[in-house]
Structures are given as structure tokens and as C-alpha cells.
């Protein structure tokens, strides 16, 4: 049995895979191109998704959004 710490052994096993992120590195540490993280305010909505949302939920209005949030909270 190895005398290494389990966390160190786990980090070494993950280190070889480019698709996995170690629990010991930050969310952007594995990003090789140093691109800034995408946020909801910086991304453009998909036009088809936006159209479908408006058709099913109605136009985006603050009162409607607040009602939906309250109704979801009260149901749980």
C-alpha cells in the first residue's frame, strides 16, 4: 500500500486527463486559452430558444418573472 495521501494520489490520477478538472484547481485553471468566463449578461441568447420561451411564457416582464419565482417557491 502506498504511503501517499489519498488526495495526492487522486490528483495524480486526474492530472493525465485533459477532460477532467482536479478538485484542487480553480474552475479557470484548466482553461488553456485564458478566455474570460461566460456570464448570462455577456452571452447572446439563442433566437429560437428566446422565441420558444416568449411563446410559452409570454413576453419578459418583471411582474411575470416575480410571480413565477414566488409561485415556484411557494409550491416547494
N, C-alpha and C. Protein backbone atom coordinates (compact mmCIF):
# COMPACT_ATOMS: atom_id res chain seq x y z
N UNK A 1 0.84 -1.19 0.00
CA UNK A 1 0.00 0.00 0.00
C UNK A 1 0.88 1.24 0.00
N UNK A 2 0.51 2.23 -0.72
CA UNK A 2 1.31 3.45 -0.86
C UNK A 2 1.16 4.31 0.39
N UNK A 3 2.25 5.03 0.74
CA UNK A 3 2.20 5.92 1.89
C UNK A 3 1.79 7.34 1.51
N UNK A 4 1.43 7.55 0.22
CA UNK A 4 0.98 8.87 -0.21
C UNK A 4 -0.41 9.16 0.31
N UNK A 5 -0.71 10.42 0.44
CA UNK A 5 -2.04 10.84 0.86
C UNK A 5 -3.05 10.49 -0.24
N UNK A 6 -4.28 10.10 0.11
CA UNK A 6 -5.29 9.79 -0.91
C UNK A 6 -5.55 10.97 -1.85
N UNK A 7 -5.54 12.18 -1.32
CA UNK A 7 -5.81 13.36 -2.15
C UNK A 7 -4.71 13.54 -3.20
N UNK A 8 -3.47 13.31 -2.81
CA UNK A 8 -2.37 13.46 -3.76
C UNK A 8 -2.44 12.39 -4.83
N UNK A 9 -2.79 11.17 -4.44
CA UNK A 9 -2.92 10.09 -5.41
C UNK A 9 -4.06 10.37 -6.38
N UNK A 10 -5.17 10.90 -5.88
CA UNK A 10 -6.30 11.24 -6.74
C UNK A 10 -5.93 12.35 -7.70
N UNK A 11 -5.21 13.34 -7.22
CA UNK A 11 -4.80 14.45 -8.08
C UNK A 11 -3.88 13.96 -9.18
N UNK A 12 -2.99 13.02 -8.87
CA UNK A 12 -2.10 12.49 -9.90
C UNK A 12 -2.86 11.70 -10.94
N UNK A 13 -3.89 10.95 -10.52
CA UNK A 13 -4.64 10.15 -11.49
C UNK A 13 -5.46 11.03 -12.42
N UNK A 14 -5.93 12.17 -11.95
CA UNK A 14 -6.72 13.08 -12.76
C UNK A 14 -5.82 13.91 -13.67
N UNK A 15 -4.59 14.14 -13.25
CA UNK A 15 -3.68 15.03 -13.96
C UNK A 15 -3.46 14.61 -15.41
N UNK A 16 -3.51 13.32 -15.71
CA UNK A 16 -3.24 12.85 -17.05
C UNK A 16 -4.35 13.12 -18.05
N UNK A 17 -5.56 13.36 -17.59
CA UNK A 17 -6.69 13.55 -18.49
C UNK A 17 -6.95 15.04 -18.71
N UNK A 18 -7.05 15.45 -19.98
CA UNK A 18 -7.32 16.84 -20.30
C UNK A 18 -8.79 17.20 -20.16
N UNK A 19 -9.66 16.19 -20.07
CA UNK A 19 -11.10 16.44 -20.00
C UNK A 19 -11.60 16.63 -18.58
N UNK A 20 -10.79 16.27 -17.61
CA UNK A 20 -11.24 16.33 -16.23
C UNK A 20 -10.54 17.47 -15.50
N UNK A 21 -11.22 18.01 -14.50
CA UNK A 21 -10.66 19.08 -13.68
C UNK A 21 -10.45 18.53 -12.29
N UNK A 22 -9.29 18.74 -11.74
CA UNK A 22 -8.99 18.29 -10.39
C UNK A 22 -9.77 19.12 -9.39
N UNK A 23 -10.13 18.50 -8.28
CA UNK A 23 -10.83 19.23 -7.23
C UNK A 23 -9.93 20.26 -6.58
N UNK A 24 -8.63 20.18 -6.82
CA UNK A 24 -7.68 21.07 -6.17
C UNK A 24 -7.32 22.28 -7.03
N UNK A 25 -7.85 22.38 -8.23
CA UNK A 25 -7.57 23.55 -9.05
C UNK A 25 -8.83 24.37 -9.21
N UNK A 26 -8.67 25.64 -9.45
CA UNK A 26 -9.81 26.53 -9.61
C UNK A 26 -10.55 26.24 -10.90
N UNK A 27 -11.76 26.76 -11.05
CA UNK A 27 -12.55 26.48 -12.25
C UNK A 27 -11.91 26.95 -13.54
N UNK A 28 -11.10 28.00 -13.50
CA UNK A 28 -10.49 28.50 -14.72
C UNK A 28 -9.05 28.04 -14.90
N UNK A 29 -8.50 27.29 -13.92
CA UNK A 29 -7.12 26.84 -14.03
C UNK A 29 -6.91 25.88 -15.19
N UNK A 30 -7.93 25.11 -15.54
CA UNK A 30 -7.81 24.14 -16.62
C UNK A 30 -8.06 24.73 -17.99
N UNK A 31 -8.43 26.00 -18.05
CA UNK A 31 -8.75 26.65 -19.32
C UNK A 31 -7.46 27.13 -19.96
N UNK A 32 -7.06 26.46 -21.04
CA UNK A 32 -5.78 26.77 -21.65
C UNK A 32 -5.75 28.07 -22.42
N UNK A 33 -6.88 28.54 -22.93
CA UNK A 33 -6.85 29.75 -23.76
C UNK A 33 -7.07 31.03 -22.97
N UNK A 34 -7.19 30.93 -21.67
CA UNK A 34 -7.36 32.09 -20.79
C UNK A 34 -8.52 32.99 -21.20
N UNK A 35 -9.56 32.41 -21.74
CA UNK A 35 -10.72 33.21 -22.12
C UNK A 35 -11.52 33.56 -20.86
N UNK A 36 -12.17 34.71 -20.86
CA UNK A 36 -12.96 35.09 -19.69
C UNK A 36 -14.19 34.18 -19.58
N UNK A 37 -14.68 33.96 -18.37
CA UNK A 37 -15.86 33.11 -18.21
C UNK A 37 -17.09 33.77 -18.85
N UNK A 38 -17.98 32.96 -19.36
CA UNK A 38 -19.21 33.46 -19.98
C UNK A 38 -20.24 33.66 -18.89
N UNK A 39 -20.88 34.81 -18.90
CA UNK A 39 -21.95 35.08 -17.95
C UNK A 39 -23.25 35.29 -18.73
N UNK A 40 -24.35 35.24 -18.01
CA UNK A 40 -25.65 35.41 -18.67
C UNK A 40 -25.77 36.78 -19.32
N UNK A 41 -25.14 37.79 -18.73
CA UNK A 41 -25.25 39.13 -19.30
C UNK A 41 -24.33 39.33 -20.50
N UNK A 42 -23.28 38.50 -20.62
CA UNK A 42 -22.34 38.69 -21.73
C UNK A 42 -22.64 37.80 -22.93
N UNK A 43 -23.49 36.80 -22.75
CA UNK A 43 -23.77 35.90 -23.87
C UNK A 43 -25.02 36.34 -24.61
N UNK A 44 -25.09 36.00 -25.88
CA UNK A 44 -26.26 36.32 -26.68
C UNK A 44 -27.24 35.15 -26.61
N UNK A 45 -28.52 35.41 -26.35
CA UNK A 45 -29.48 34.31 -26.30
C UNK A 45 -29.70 33.70 -27.69
N UNK A 46 -29.97 32.43 -27.70
CA UNK A 46 -30.29 31.74 -28.94
C UNK A 46 -31.66 32.23 -29.42
N UNK A 47 -31.76 32.74 -30.65
CA UNK A 47 -33.04 33.30 -31.12
C UNK A 47 -34.19 32.30 -31.09
N UNK A 48 -33.93 31.05 -31.43
CA UNK A 48 -35.00 30.05 -31.41
C UNK A 48 -35.47 29.78 -29.99
N UNK A 49 -34.53 29.68 -29.05
CA UNK A 49 -34.89 29.45 -27.65
C UNK A 49 -35.66 30.63 -27.09
N UNK A 50 -35.23 31.83 -27.45
CA UNK A 50 -35.90 33.04 -26.98
C UNK A 50 -37.33 33.10 -27.51
N UNK A 51 -37.51 32.77 -28.79
CA UNK A 51 -38.84 32.77 -29.40
C UNK A 51 -39.74 31.74 -28.71
N UNK A 52 -39.19 30.55 -28.47
CA UNK A 52 -39.97 29.50 -27.81
C UNK A 52 -40.35 29.90 -26.39
N UNK A 53 -39.43 30.55 -25.68
CA UNK A 53 -39.71 30.99 -24.31
C UNK A 53 -40.81 32.04 -24.30
N UNK A 54 -40.76 32.98 -25.23
CA UNK A 54 -41.78 34.03 -25.29
C UNK A 54 -43.13 33.43 -25.63
N UNK A 55 -43.15 32.44 -26.53
CA UNK A 55 -44.42 31.80 -26.89
C UNK A 55 -45.02 31.04 -25.72
N UNK A 56 -44.18 30.37 -24.93
CA UNK A 56 -44.71 29.56 -23.84
C UNK A 56 -44.91 30.34 -22.54
N UNK A 57 -44.06 31.35 -22.27
CA UNK A 57 -44.15 32.09 -21.02
C UNK A 57 -44.71 33.49 -21.18
N UNK A 58 -44.76 33.98 -22.39
CA UNK A 58 -45.18 35.35 -22.61
C UNK A 58 -43.98 36.27 -22.64
N UNK A 59 -44.19 37.53 -22.97
CA UNK A 59 -43.06 38.47 -23.03
C UNK A 59 -42.43 38.65 -21.65
N UNK A 60 -41.16 39.01 -21.65
CA UNK A 60 -40.43 39.17 -20.39
C UNK A 60 -40.86 40.46 -19.71
N UNK A 61 -41.56 40.31 -18.61
CA UNK A 61 -42.00 41.45 -17.80
C UNK A 61 -41.62 41.17 -16.36
N UNK A 62 -41.20 42.18 -15.66
CA UNK A 62 -40.74 41.99 -14.29
C UNK A 62 -41.82 41.36 -13.40
N UNK A 63 -43.05 41.81 -13.52
CA UNK A 63 -44.13 41.28 -12.69
C UNK A 63 -44.33 39.79 -12.96
N UNK A 64 -44.26 39.39 -14.22
CA UNK A 64 -44.43 37.99 -14.58
C UNK A 64 -43.31 37.15 -13.99
N UNK A 65 -42.09 37.63 -14.09
CA UNK A 65 -40.95 36.89 -13.57
C UNK A 65 -41.06 36.76 -12.06
N UNK A 66 -41.42 37.85 -11.37
CA UNK A 66 -41.56 37.79 -9.92
C UNK A 66 -42.66 36.83 -9.52
N UNK A 67 -43.77 36.80 -10.28
CA UNK A 67 -44.86 35.87 -9.97
C UNK A 67 -44.39 34.43 -10.13
N UNK A 68 -43.67 34.15 -11.22
CA UNK A 68 -43.19 32.79 -11.44
C UNK A 68 -42.25 32.35 -10.32
N UNK A 69 -41.37 33.23 -9.90
CA UNK A 69 -40.44 32.88 -8.83
C UNK A 69 -41.20 32.63 -7.54
N UNK A 70 -42.14 33.51 -7.19
CA UNK A 70 -42.91 33.32 -5.96
C UNK A 70 -43.71 32.04 -6.02
N UNK A 71 -44.35 31.75 -7.15
CA UNK A 71 -45.18 30.56 -7.23
C UNK A 71 -44.35 29.29 -7.11
N UNK A 72 -43.14 29.30 -7.66
CA UNK A 72 -42.26 28.13 -7.55
C UNK A 72 -41.79 27.95 -6.11
N UNK A 73 -41.49 29.04 -5.43
CA UNK A 73 -41.02 28.94 -4.05
C UNK A 73 -42.14 28.44 -3.15
N UNK A 74 -43.34 28.94 -3.35
CA UNK A 74 -44.45 28.54 -2.50
C UNK A 74 -44.86 27.09 -2.72
N UNK A 75 -44.64 26.54 -3.91
CA UNK A 75 -45.03 25.16 -4.19
C UNK A 75 -44.08 24.16 -3.57
N UNK A 76 -42.84 24.56 -3.30
CA UNK A 76 -41.87 23.60 -2.77
C UNK A 76 -41.89 23.52 -1.28
